[in-house]
Amino acid sequence: MEVFSFVFGVLFGSFLNVLIYRLPKQISILKPSFCPNCGSKIKYFENIPLISYIFLKAKCGSCKDKIPFRYFLVELITGFLTLFLFLQVSLSFEFFYLIILFYTLIVLSFIDIKYKAVPDYLILIALIIAFFATKDEFLVSLENACIFAGFFVLLEFIITFYIQNIKSKLIKDDTLRNTKALGEGDIPIIAIIGAVLGIKAGVIAIFLAGIFAIIPSILNTLLKKDSQIPFIPFLVMGFLFEFFINISSKVFT
């Protein structure tokens, strides 16, 4: 079952890659797989998760255009994530709800990396699923979600005010006048963290997300690249890291 769960995750990761590429472009997910560069239909033996990427040497079988490493990475992450979750909760309703939530968060993360914006309906789906993916009662999860979301709405307002009205004047950078501390999709993800993990573990998850986000932010500053860092991937990383640490500690105590 462990091997099956990993293979299942890898196969589903291939579908997540389809969603990541097509949803922002509003392309039907029912359309057969094709090369984004030349448009040629991808043959079945060229579409085997993980294996085809290695076999084709990360190049399209028709036009030899480079296949982004993201395809391989998403499949690998999804495979291990499915395996880890199965090892912790086995096959159950909890597994079903959590894996849908995790898969949705993966799609949101990689879309945010690419476009620095995410579809609202995907966030809404993740938020709804979050209330089924927690062991807490609905009202408790809703309260935790509202506490987290409300606090960060207030924090976002204060930091944004500082960036737009104080920092922009101090460093004389007019581009900061329209800069926001958090993206519109960040607050619902923070609410999801509160709903699933609760207050204590949720705070740790968001703290970890901030730590994870510091590294690329510093690198971008040193290399003088785009300083706008999509925060959803780091929120998801913090959430998943704390989730598995938290659930593992409960299993072994």
C-alpha atoms as a PDB file:
ATOM      1  CA  MET A   1       0.000   0.000   0.000  1.00  0.00           C
ATOM      2  CA  GLU A   2       2.912   2.330   0.669  1.00  0.00           C
ATOM      3  CA  VAL A   3       4.180   1.845  -2.892  1.00  0.00           C
ATOM      4  CA  PHE A   4       0.667   2.244  -4.262  1.00  0.00           C
ATOM      5  CA  SER A   5       0.150   5.495  -2.360  1.00  0.00           C
ATOM      6  CA  PHE A   6       3.385   6.926  -3.789  1.00  0.00           C
ATOM      7  CA  VAL A   7       2.511   5.837  -7.336  1.00  0.00           C
ATOM      8  CA  PHE A   8      -1.015   7.217  -6.926  1.00  0.00           C
ATOM      9  CA  GLY A   9       0.436  10.525  -5.794  1.00  0.00           C
ATOM     10  CA  VAL A  10       2.859  10.682  -8.711  1.00  0.00           C
ATOM     11  CA  LEU A  11       0.074   9.935 -11.198  1.00  0.00           C
ATOM     12  CA  PHE A  12      -2.134  12.582  -9.655  1.00  0.00           C
ATOM     13  CA  GLY A  13       0.830  14.965  -9.691  1.00  0.00           C
ATOM     14  CA  SER A  14       0.791  14.702 -13.472  1.00  0.00           C
ATOM     15  CA  PHE A  15      -2.827  15.899 -13.428  1.00  0.00           C
ATOM     16  CA  LEU A  16      -1.903  18.738 -11.074  1.00  0.00           C
ATOM     17  CA  ASN A  17       0.646  19.882 -13.657  1.00  0.00           C
ATOM     18  CA  VAL A  18      -2.196  20.089 -16.156  1.00  0.00           C
ATOM     19  CA  LEU A  19      -4.198  22.248 -13.752  1.00  0.00           C
ATOM     20  CA  ILE A  20      -1.211  24.498 -12.981  1.00  0.00           C
ATOM     21  CA  TYR A  21      -0.626  25.201 -16.667  1.00  0.00           C
ATOM     22  CA  ARG A  22      -4.193  25.323 -17.970  1.00  0.00           C
ATOM     23  CA  LEU A  23      -6.345  26.950 -15.280  1.00  0.00           C
ATOM     24  CA  PRO A  24      -4.678  30.409 -15.491  1.00  0.00           C
ATOM     25  CA  LYS A  25      -4.873  30.227 -19.294  1.00  0.00           C
ATOM     26  CA  GLN A  26      -8.499  29.007 -19.205  1.00  0.00           C
ATOM     27  CA  ILE A  27      -7.687  25.956 -21.331  1.00  0.00           C
ATOM     28  CA  SER A  28      -9.987  22.936 -20.992  1.00  0.00           C
ATOM     29  CA  ILE A  29      -8.504  20.224 -18.770  1.00  0.00           C
ATOM     30  CA  LEU A  30     -10.234  17.636 -20.984  1.00  0.00           C
ATOM     31  CA  LYS A  31      -8.060  18.502 -23.963  1.00  0.00           C
ATOM     32  CA  PRO A  32      -5.382  15.836 -24.677  1.00  0.00           C
ATOM     33  CA  SER A  33      -1.860  16.610 -23.464  1.00  0.00           C
ATOM     34  CA  PHE A  34       0.185  18.727 -25.860  1.00  0.00           C
ATOM     35  CA  CYS A  35       3.520  20.514 -26.023  1.00  0.00           C
ATOM     36  CA  PRO A  36       3.075  24.203 -25.098  1.00  0.00           C
ATOM     37  CA  ASN A  37       5.817  25.149 -27.580  1.00  0.00           C
ATOM     38  CA  CYS A  38       4.952  23.273 -30.787  1.00  0.00           C
ATOM     39  CA  GLY A  39       1.405  22.148 -29.971  1.00  0.00           C
ATOM     40  CA  SER A  40       2.087  18.524 -30.934  1.00  0.00           C
ATOM     41  CA  LYS A  41       0.093  15.845 -29.116  1.00  0.00           C
ATOM     42  CA  ILE A  42       2.128  14.063 -26.451  1.00  0.00           C
ATOM     43  CA  LYS A  43       2.267  10.293 -26.995  1.00  0.00           C
ATOM     44  CA  TYR A  44       1.295   7.996 -24.142  1.00  0.00           C
ATOM     45  CA  PHE A  45       4.855   6.728 -23.621  1.00  0.00           C
ATOM     46  CA  GLU A  46       6.041  10.336 -23.430  1.00  0.00           C
ATOM     47  CA  ASN A  47       3.560  11.087 -20.679  1.00  0.00           C
ATOM     48  CA  ILE A  48       4.607   8.636 -17.958  1.00  0.00           C
ATOM     49  CA  PRO A  49       5.113  10.619 -14.735  1.00  0.00           C
ATOM     50  CA  LEU A  50       8.747  11.024 -13.631  1.00  0.00           C
ATOM     51  CA  ILE A  51      10.015   8.341 -16.033  1.00  0.00           C
ATOM     52  CA  SER A  52       9.243  10.172 -19.290  1.00  0.00           C
ATOM     53  CA  TYR A  53      10.942  13.341 -18.030  1.00  0.00           C
ATOM     54  CA  ILE A  54      14.158  11.390 -17.442  1.00  0.00           C
ATOM     55  CA  PHE A  55      13.822   9.267 -20.599  1.00  0.00           C
ATOM     56  CA  LEU A  56      13.255  12.335 -22.810  1.00  0.00           C
ATOM     57  CA  LYS A  57      16.114  14.193 -21.073  1.00  0.00           C
ATOM     58  CA  ALA A  58      13.710  17.018 -20.173  1.00  0.00           C
ATOM     59  CA  LYS A  59      12.978  17.773 -23.844  1.00  0.00           C
ATOM     60  CA  CYS A  60       9.862  17.572 -25.994  1.00  0.00           C
ATOM     61  CA  GLY A  61       9.891  14.448 -28.178  1.00  0.00           C
ATOM     62  CA  SER A  62       8.835  16.493 -31.233  1.00  0.00           C
ATOM     63  CA  CYS A  63      10.396  19.975 -31.136  1.00  0.00           C
ATOM     64  CA  LYS A  64      13.117  19.243 -28.518  1.00  0.00           C
ATOM     65  CA  ASP A  65      12.064  22.317 -26.539  1.00  0.00           C
ATOM     66  CA  LYS A  66      13.064  22.113 -22.876  1.00  0.00           C
ATOM     67  CA  ILE A  67      10.469  20.728 -20.478  1.00  0.00           C
ATOM     68  CA  PRO A  68      10.373  22.840 -17.291  1.00  0.00           C
ATOM     69  CA  PHE A  69      11.701  21.070 -14.194  1.00  0.00           C
ATOM     70  CA  ARG A  70       8.460  22.073 -12.495  1.00  0.00           C
ATOM     71  CA  TYR A  71       6.686  19.082 -14.091  1.00  0.00           C
ATOM     72  CA  PHE A  72       9.086  16.598 -12.527  1.00  0.00           C
ATOM     73  CA  LEU A  73       9.125  18.456  -9.200  1.00  0.00           C
ATOM     74  CA  VAL A  74       5.333  18.591  -8.813  1.00  0.00           C
ATOM     75  CA  GLU A  75       5.006  14.862  -9.529  1.00  0.00           C
ATOM     76  CA  LEU A  76       7.760  14.024  -7.049  1.00  0.00           C
ATOM     77  CA  ILE A  77       6.374  16.296  -4.314  1.00  0.00           C
ATOM     78  CA  THR A  78       2.857  14.940  -4.781  1.00  0.00           C
ATOM     79  CA  GLY A  79       4.099  11.357  -4.622  1.00  0.00           C
ATOM     80  CA  PHE A  80       5.993  11.825  -1.363  1.00  0.00           C
ATOM     81  CA  LEU A  81       3.250  13.964   0.156  1.00  0.00           C
ATOM     82  CA  THR A  82       0.673  11.253  -0.541  1.00  0.00           C
ATOM     83  CA  LEU A  83       2.982   8.602   0.907  1.00  0.00           C
ATOM     84  CA  PHE A  84       3.712  10.584   4.074  1.00  0.00           C
ATOM     85  CA  LEU A  85       0.023  11.287   4.661  1.00  0.00           C
ATOM     86  CA  PHE A  86      -0.906   7.639   4.138  1.00  0.00           C
ATOM     87  CA  LEU A  87       1.737   6.546   6.641  1.00  0.00           C
ATOM     88  CA  GLN A  88       0.248   8.896   9.228  1.00  0.00           C
ATOM     89  CA  VAL A  89      -3.521   8.461   8.834  1.00  0.00           C
ATOM     90  CA  SER A  90      -3.866   5.424   6.486  1.00  0.00           C
ATOM     91  CA  LEU A  91      -6.969   5.197   4.286  1.00  0.00           C
ATOM     92  CA  SER A  92      -9.750   7.152   5.955  1.00  0.00           C
ATOM     93  CA  PHE A  93     -12.082  10.082   5.431  1.00  0.00           C
ATOM     94  CA  GLU A  94      -9.403  12.236   7.024  1.00  0.00           C
ATOM     95  CA  PHE A  95      -6.920  11.073   4.366  1.00  0.00           C
ATOM     96  CA  PHE A  96      -9.445  11.842   1.611  1.00  0.00           C
ATOM     97  CA  TYR A  97     -10.144  15.392   2.765  1.00  0.00           C
ATOM     98  CA  LEU A  98      -6.536  16.195   3.606  1.00  0.00           C
ATOM     99  CA  ILE A  99      -5.144  14.944   0.314  1.00  0.00           C
ATOM    100  CA  ILE A 100      -7.633  17.045  -1.667  1.00  0.00           C
ATOM    101  CA  LEU A 101      -6.630  20.055   0.427  1.00  0.00           C
ATOM    102  CA  PHE A 102      -2.913  19.357  -0.051  1.00  0.00           C
ATOM    103  CA  TYR A 103      -3.290  18.880  -3.803  1.00  0.00           C
ATOM    104  CA  THR A 104      -5.240  22.138  -4.092  1.00  0.00           C
ATOM    105  CA  LEU A 105      -2.560  23.978  -2.109  1.00  0.00           C
ATOM    106  CA  ILE A 106       0.139  22.576  -4.402  1.00  0.00           C
ATOM    107  CA  VAL A 107      -1.703  23.915  -7.454  1.00  0.00           C
ATOM    108  CA  LEU A 108      -2.178  27.296  -5.783  1.00  0.00           C
ATOM    109  CA  SER A 109       1.503  27.459  -4.823  1.00  0.00           C
ATOM    110  CA  PHE A 110       2.888  26.831  -8.281  1.00  0.00           C
ATOM    111  CA  ILE A 111       0.377  29.133  -9.959  1.00  0.00           C
ATOM    112  CA  ASP A 112       1.377  31.847  -7.476  1.00  0.00           C
ATOM    113  CA  ILE A 113       5.071  31.278  -8.262  1.00  0.00           C
ATOM    114  CA  LYS A 114       4.394  31.722 -11.963  1.00  0.00           C
ATOM    115  CA  TYR A 115       1.827  34.531 -11.994  1.00  0.00           C
ATOM    116  CA  LYS A 116       1.979  36.044  -8.469  1.00  0.00           C
ATOM    117  CA  ALA A 117      -1.809  35.708  -8.481  1.00  0.00           C
ATOM    118  CA  VAL A 118      -4.181  32.790  -7.963  1.00  0.00           C
ATOM    119  CA  PRO A 119      -7.759  31.953  -9.029  1.00  0.00           C
ATOM    120  CA  ASP A 120     -10.284  32.919  -6.344  1.00  0.00           C
ATOM    121  CA  TYR A 121     -12.362  29.769  -6.885  1.00  0.00           C
ATOM    122  CA  LEU A 122      -9.386  27.546  -6.041  1.00  0.00           C
ATOM    123  CA  ILE A 123      -8.841  29.403  -2.781  1.00  0.00           C
ATOM    124  CA  LEU A 124     -12.550  29.055  -1.971  1.00  0.00           C
ATOM    125  CA  ILE A 125     -12.393  25.306  -2.662  1.00  0.00           C
ATOM    126  CA  ALA A 126      -9.370  24.945  -0.372  1.00  0.00           C
ATOM    127  CA  LEU A 127     -11.053  26.987   2.359  1.00  0.00           C
ATOM    128  CA  ILE A 128     -14.216  24.866   2.289  1.00  0.00           C
ATOM    129  CA  ILE A 129     -12.273  21.600   2.320  1.00  0.00           C
ATOM    130  CA  ALA A 130     -10.199  22.831   5.270  1.00  0.00           C
ATOM    131  CA  PHE A 131     -13.251  22.667   7.561  1.00  0.00           C
ATOM    132  CA  PHE A 132     -13.688  18.989   6.671  1.00  0.00           C
ATOM    133  CA  ALA A 133      -9.974  18.218   6.985  1.00  0.00           C
ATOM    134  CA  THR A 134      -9.713  19.099  10.665  1.00  0.00           C
ATOM    135  CA  LYS A 135     -10.604  17.046  13.722  1.00  0.00           C
ATOM    136  CA  ASP A 136     -11.938  20.103  15.525  1.00  0.00           C
ATOM    137  CA  GLU A 137     -15.636  20.952  15.560  1.00  0.00           C
ATOM    138  CA  PHE A 138     -16.818  23.291  12.835  1.00  0.00           C
ATOM    139  CA  LEU A 139     -17.408  26.259  15.129  1.00  0.00           C
ATOM    140  CA  VAL A 140     -13.965  25.858  16.706  1.00  0.00           C
ATOM    141  CA  SER A 141     -12.289  25.693  13.273  1.00  0.00           C
ATOM    142  CA  LEU A 142     -14.315  28.686  12.081  1.00  0.00           C
ATOM    143  CA  GLU A 143     -13.302  30.663  15.155  1.00  0.00           C
ATOM    144  CA  ASN A 144      -9.617  29.835  14.644  1.00  0.00           C
ATOM    145  CA  ALA A 145      -9.842  30.745  10.956  1.00  0.00           C
ATOM    146  CA  CYS A 146     -11.481  34.079  11.748  1.00  0.00           C
ATOM    147  CA  ILE A 147      -8.942  34.891  14.461  1.00  0.00           C
ATOM    148  CA  PHE A 148      -6.035  34.252  12.110  1.00  0.00           C
ATOM    149  CA  ALA A 149      -7.599  36.029   9.148  1.00  0.00           C
ATOM    150  CA  GLY A 150      -8.699  39.014  11.222  1.00  0.00           C
ATOM    151  CA  PHE A 151      -5.333  39.467  12.881  1.00  0.00           C
ATOM    152  CA  PHE A 152      -3.460  39.370   9.591  1.00  0.00           C
ATOM    153  CA  VAL A 153      -5.924  41.724   7.890  1.00  0.00           C
ATOM    154  CA  LEU A 154      -5.097  44.243  10.620  1.00  0.00           C
ATOM    155  CA  LEU A 155      -1.367  43.496  10.372  1.00  0.00           C
ATOM    156  CA  GLU A 156      -1.473  43.802   6.580  1.00  0.00           C
ATOM    157  CA  PHE A 157      -3.144  47.203   6.872  1.00  0.00           C
ATOM    158  CA  ILE A 158      -0.491  48.503   9.269  1.00  0.00           C
ATOM    159  CA  ILE A 159       2.484  47.187   7.272  1.00  0.00           C
ATOM    160  CA  THR A 160       1.021  48.349   3.964  1.00  0.00           C
ATOM    161  CA  PHE A 161       0.456  51.817   5.407  1.00  0.00           C
ATOM    162  CA  TYR A 162       4.097  51.896   6.508  1.00  0.00           C
ATOM    163  CA  ILE A 163       5.375  50.740   3.094  1.00  0.00           C
ATOM    164  CA  GLN A 164       3.216  53.121   1.053  1.00  0.00           C
ATOM    165  CA  ASN A 165       3.395  56.229   3.202  1.00  0.00           C
ATOM    166  CA  ILE A 166       6.623  56.062   5.184  1.00  0.00           C
ATOM    167  CA  LYS A 167       9.088  53.710   3.521  1.00  0.00           C
ATOM    168  CA  SER A 168       8.340  55.089   0.049  1.00  0.00           C
ATOM    169  CA  LYS A 169       9.247  58.594   1.272  1.00  0.00           C
ATOM    170  CA  LEU A 170      12.302  57.495   3.239  1.00  0.00           C
ATOM    171  CA  ILE A 171      13.946  55.740   0.289  1.00  0.00           C
ATOM    172  CA  LYS A 172      12.245  57.954  -2.325  1.00  0.00           C
ATOM    173  CA  ASP A 173      10.736  55.053  -4.247  1.00  0.00           C
ATOM    174  CA  ASP A 174       7.349  55.956  -5.745  1.00  0.00           C
ATOM    175  CA  THR A 175       6.732  52.363  -6.874  1.00  0.00           C
ATOM    176  CA  LEU A 176       6.121  51.436  -3.237  1.00  0.00           C
ATOM    177  CA  ARG A 177       3.010  53.623  -3.103  1.00  0.00           C
ATOM    178  CA  ASN A 178       0.991  50.804  -4.667  1.00  0.00           C
ATOM    179  CA  THR A 179       2.765  47.940  -2.910  1.00  0.00           C
ATOM    180  CA  LYS A 180       0.888  45.750  -0.449  1.00  0.00           C
ATOM    181  CA  ALA A 181       2.385  43.706   2.370  1.00  0.00           C
ATOM    182  CA  LEU A 182       0.279  40.645   1.576  1.00  0.00           C
ATOM    183  CA  GLY A 183      -1.439  39.456  -1.569  1.00  0.00           C
ATOM    184  CA  GLU A 184      -5.207  39.007  -1.699  1.00  0.00           C
ATOM    185  CA  GLY A 185      -4.805  35.223  -1.672  1.00  0.00           C
ATOM    186  CA  ASP A 186      -2.559  35.130   1.404  1.00  0.00           C
ATOM    187  CA  ILE A 187      -5.266  35.873   3.993  1.00  0.00           C
ATOM    188  CA  PRO A 188      -7.528  32.905   3.037  1.00  0.00           C
ATOM    189  CA  ILE A 189      -4.503  30.576   3.131  1.00  0.00           C
ATOM    190  CA  ILE A 190      -3.696  31.901   6.612  1.00  0.00           C
ATOM    191  CA  ALA A 191      -7.325  31.213   7.588  1.00  0.00           C
ATOM    192  CA  ILE A 192      -6.933  27.645   6.301  1.00  0.00           C
ATOM    193  CA  ILE A 193      -3.848  27.194   8.473  1.00  0.00           C
ATOM    194  CA  GLY A 194      -5.775  28.381  11.523  1.00  0.00           C
ATOM    195  CA  ALA A 195      -8.769  26.156  10.748  1.00  0.00           C
ATOM    196  CA  VAL A 196      -6.731  22.965  10.289  1.00  0.00           C
ATOM    197  CA  LEU A 197      -3.875  23.397  12.772  1.00  0.00           C
ATOM    198  CA  GLY A 198      -5.464  25.496  15.478  1.00  0.00           C
ATOM    199  CA  ILE A 199      -3.956  28.540  17.176  1.00  0.00           C
ATOM    200  CA  LYS A 200      -0.706  27.220  18.639  1.00  0.00           C
ATOM    201  CA  ALA A 201       0.442  25.057  15.707  1.00  0.00           C
ATOM    202  CA  GLY A 202      -0.884  27.643  13.256  1.00  0.00           C
ATOM    203  CA  VAL A 203       1.308  30.376  14.721  1.00  0.00           C
ATOM    204  CA  ILE A 204       4.343  28.096  14.405  1.00  0.00           C
ATOM    205  CA  ALA A 205       3.427  27.301  10.779  1.00  0.00           C
ATOM    206  CA  ILE A 206       3.221  30.981   9.836  1.00  0.00           C
ATOM    207  CA  PHE A 207       6.470  31.705  11.682  1.00  0.00           C
ATOM    208  CA  LEU A 208       8.140  28.926   9.667  1.00  0.00           C
ATOM    209  CA  ALA A 209       6.646  30.378   6.463  1.00  0.00           C
ATOM    210  CA  GLY A 210       8.276  33.713   7.263  1.00  0.00           C
ATOM    211  CA  ILE A 211      11.622  32.012   7.874  1.00  0.00           C
ATOM    212  CA  PHE A 212      11.371  30.088   4.588  1.00  0.00           C
ATOM    213  CA  ALA A 213      10.507  33.306   2.706  1.00  0.00           C
ATOM    214  CA  ILE A 214      13.465  35.244   4.082  1.00  0.00           C
ATOM    215  CA  ILE A 215      16.065  33.259   2.119  1.00  0.00           C
ATOM    216  CA  PRO A 216      14.834  34.043  -1.451  1.00  0.00           C
ATOM    217  CA  SER A 217      14.043  37.599  -0.352  1.00  0.00           C
ATOM    218  CA  ILE A 218      17.647  38.147   0.742  1.00  0.00           C
ATOM    219  CA  LEU A 219      18.982  36.521  -2.440  1.00  0.00           C
ATOM    220  CA  ASN A 220      16.769  38.724  -4.620  1.00  0.00           C
ATOM    221  CA  THR A 221      17.992  41.794  -2.767  1.00  0.00           C
ATOM    222  CA  LEU A 222      21.645  40.811  -3.205  1.00  0.00           C
ATOM    223  CA  LEU A 223      21.153  39.964  -6.880  1.00  0.00           C
ATOM    224  CA  LYS A 224      18.956  43.055  -7.414  1.00  0.00           C
ATOM    225  CA  LYS A 225      16.127  40.998  -8.862  1.00  0.00           C
ATOM    226  CA  ASP A 226      12.362  41.412  -8.525  1.00  0.00           C
ATOM    227  CA  SER A 227      11.790  41.827  -4.793  1.00  0.00           C
ATOM    228  CA  GLN A 228       8.151  40.701  -4.965  1.00  0.00           C
ATOM    229  CA  ILE A 229       8.064  37.232  -3.443  1.00  0.00           C
ATOM    230  CA  PRO A 230       4.902  35.106  -3.763  1.00  0.00           C
ATOM    231  CA  PHE A 231       4.040  34.185  -0.188  1.00  0.00           C
ATOM    232  CA  ILE A 232       1.492  31.393  -0.726  1.00  0.00           C
ATOM    233  CA  PRO A 233       4.170  28.729  -1.469  1.00  0.00           C
ATOM    234  CA  PHE A 234       5.944  29.553   1.782  1.00  0.00           C
ATOM    235  CA  LEU A 235       2.688  29.557   3.744  1.00  0.00           C
ATOM    236  CA  VAL A 236       1.963  26.116   2.325  1.00  0.00           C
ATOM    237  CA  MET A 237       5.489  24.925   3.159  1.00  0.00           C
ATOM    238  CA  GLY A 238       5.113  26.147   6.744  1.00  0.00           C
ATOM    239  CA  PHE A 239       1.669  24.565   6.988  1.00  0.00           C
ATOM    240  CA  LEU A 240       2.780  21.157   5.673  1.00  0.00           C
ATOM    241  CA  PHE A 241       5.961  21.130   7.756  1.00  0.00           C
ATOM    242  CA  GLU A 242       4.109  21.892  10.985  1.00  0.00           C
ATOM    243  CA  PHE A 243       1.233  19.562  10.081  1.00  0.00           C
ATOM    244  CA  PHE A 244       3.479  16.512   9.724  1.00  0.00           C
ATOM    245  CA  ILE A 245       5.606  17.437  12.735  1.00  0.00           C
ATOM    246  CA  ASN A 246       2.438  17.912  14.783  1.00  0.00           C
ATOM    247  CA  ILE A 247       0.737  14.716  13.664  1.00  0.00           C
ATOM    248  CA  SER A 248       3.941  12.668  14.064  1.00  0.00           C
ATOM    249  CA  SER A 249       4.384  13.853  17.653  1.00  0.00           C
ATOM    250  CA  LYS A 250       0.812  12.736  18.448  1.00  0.00           C
ATOM    251  CA  VAL A 251       1.428   9.303  16.925  1.00  0.00           C
ATOM    252  CA  PHE A 252       4.615   8.618  18.898  1.00  0.00           C
ATOM    253  CA  THR A 253       3.433   9.991  22.275  1.00  0.00           C
END
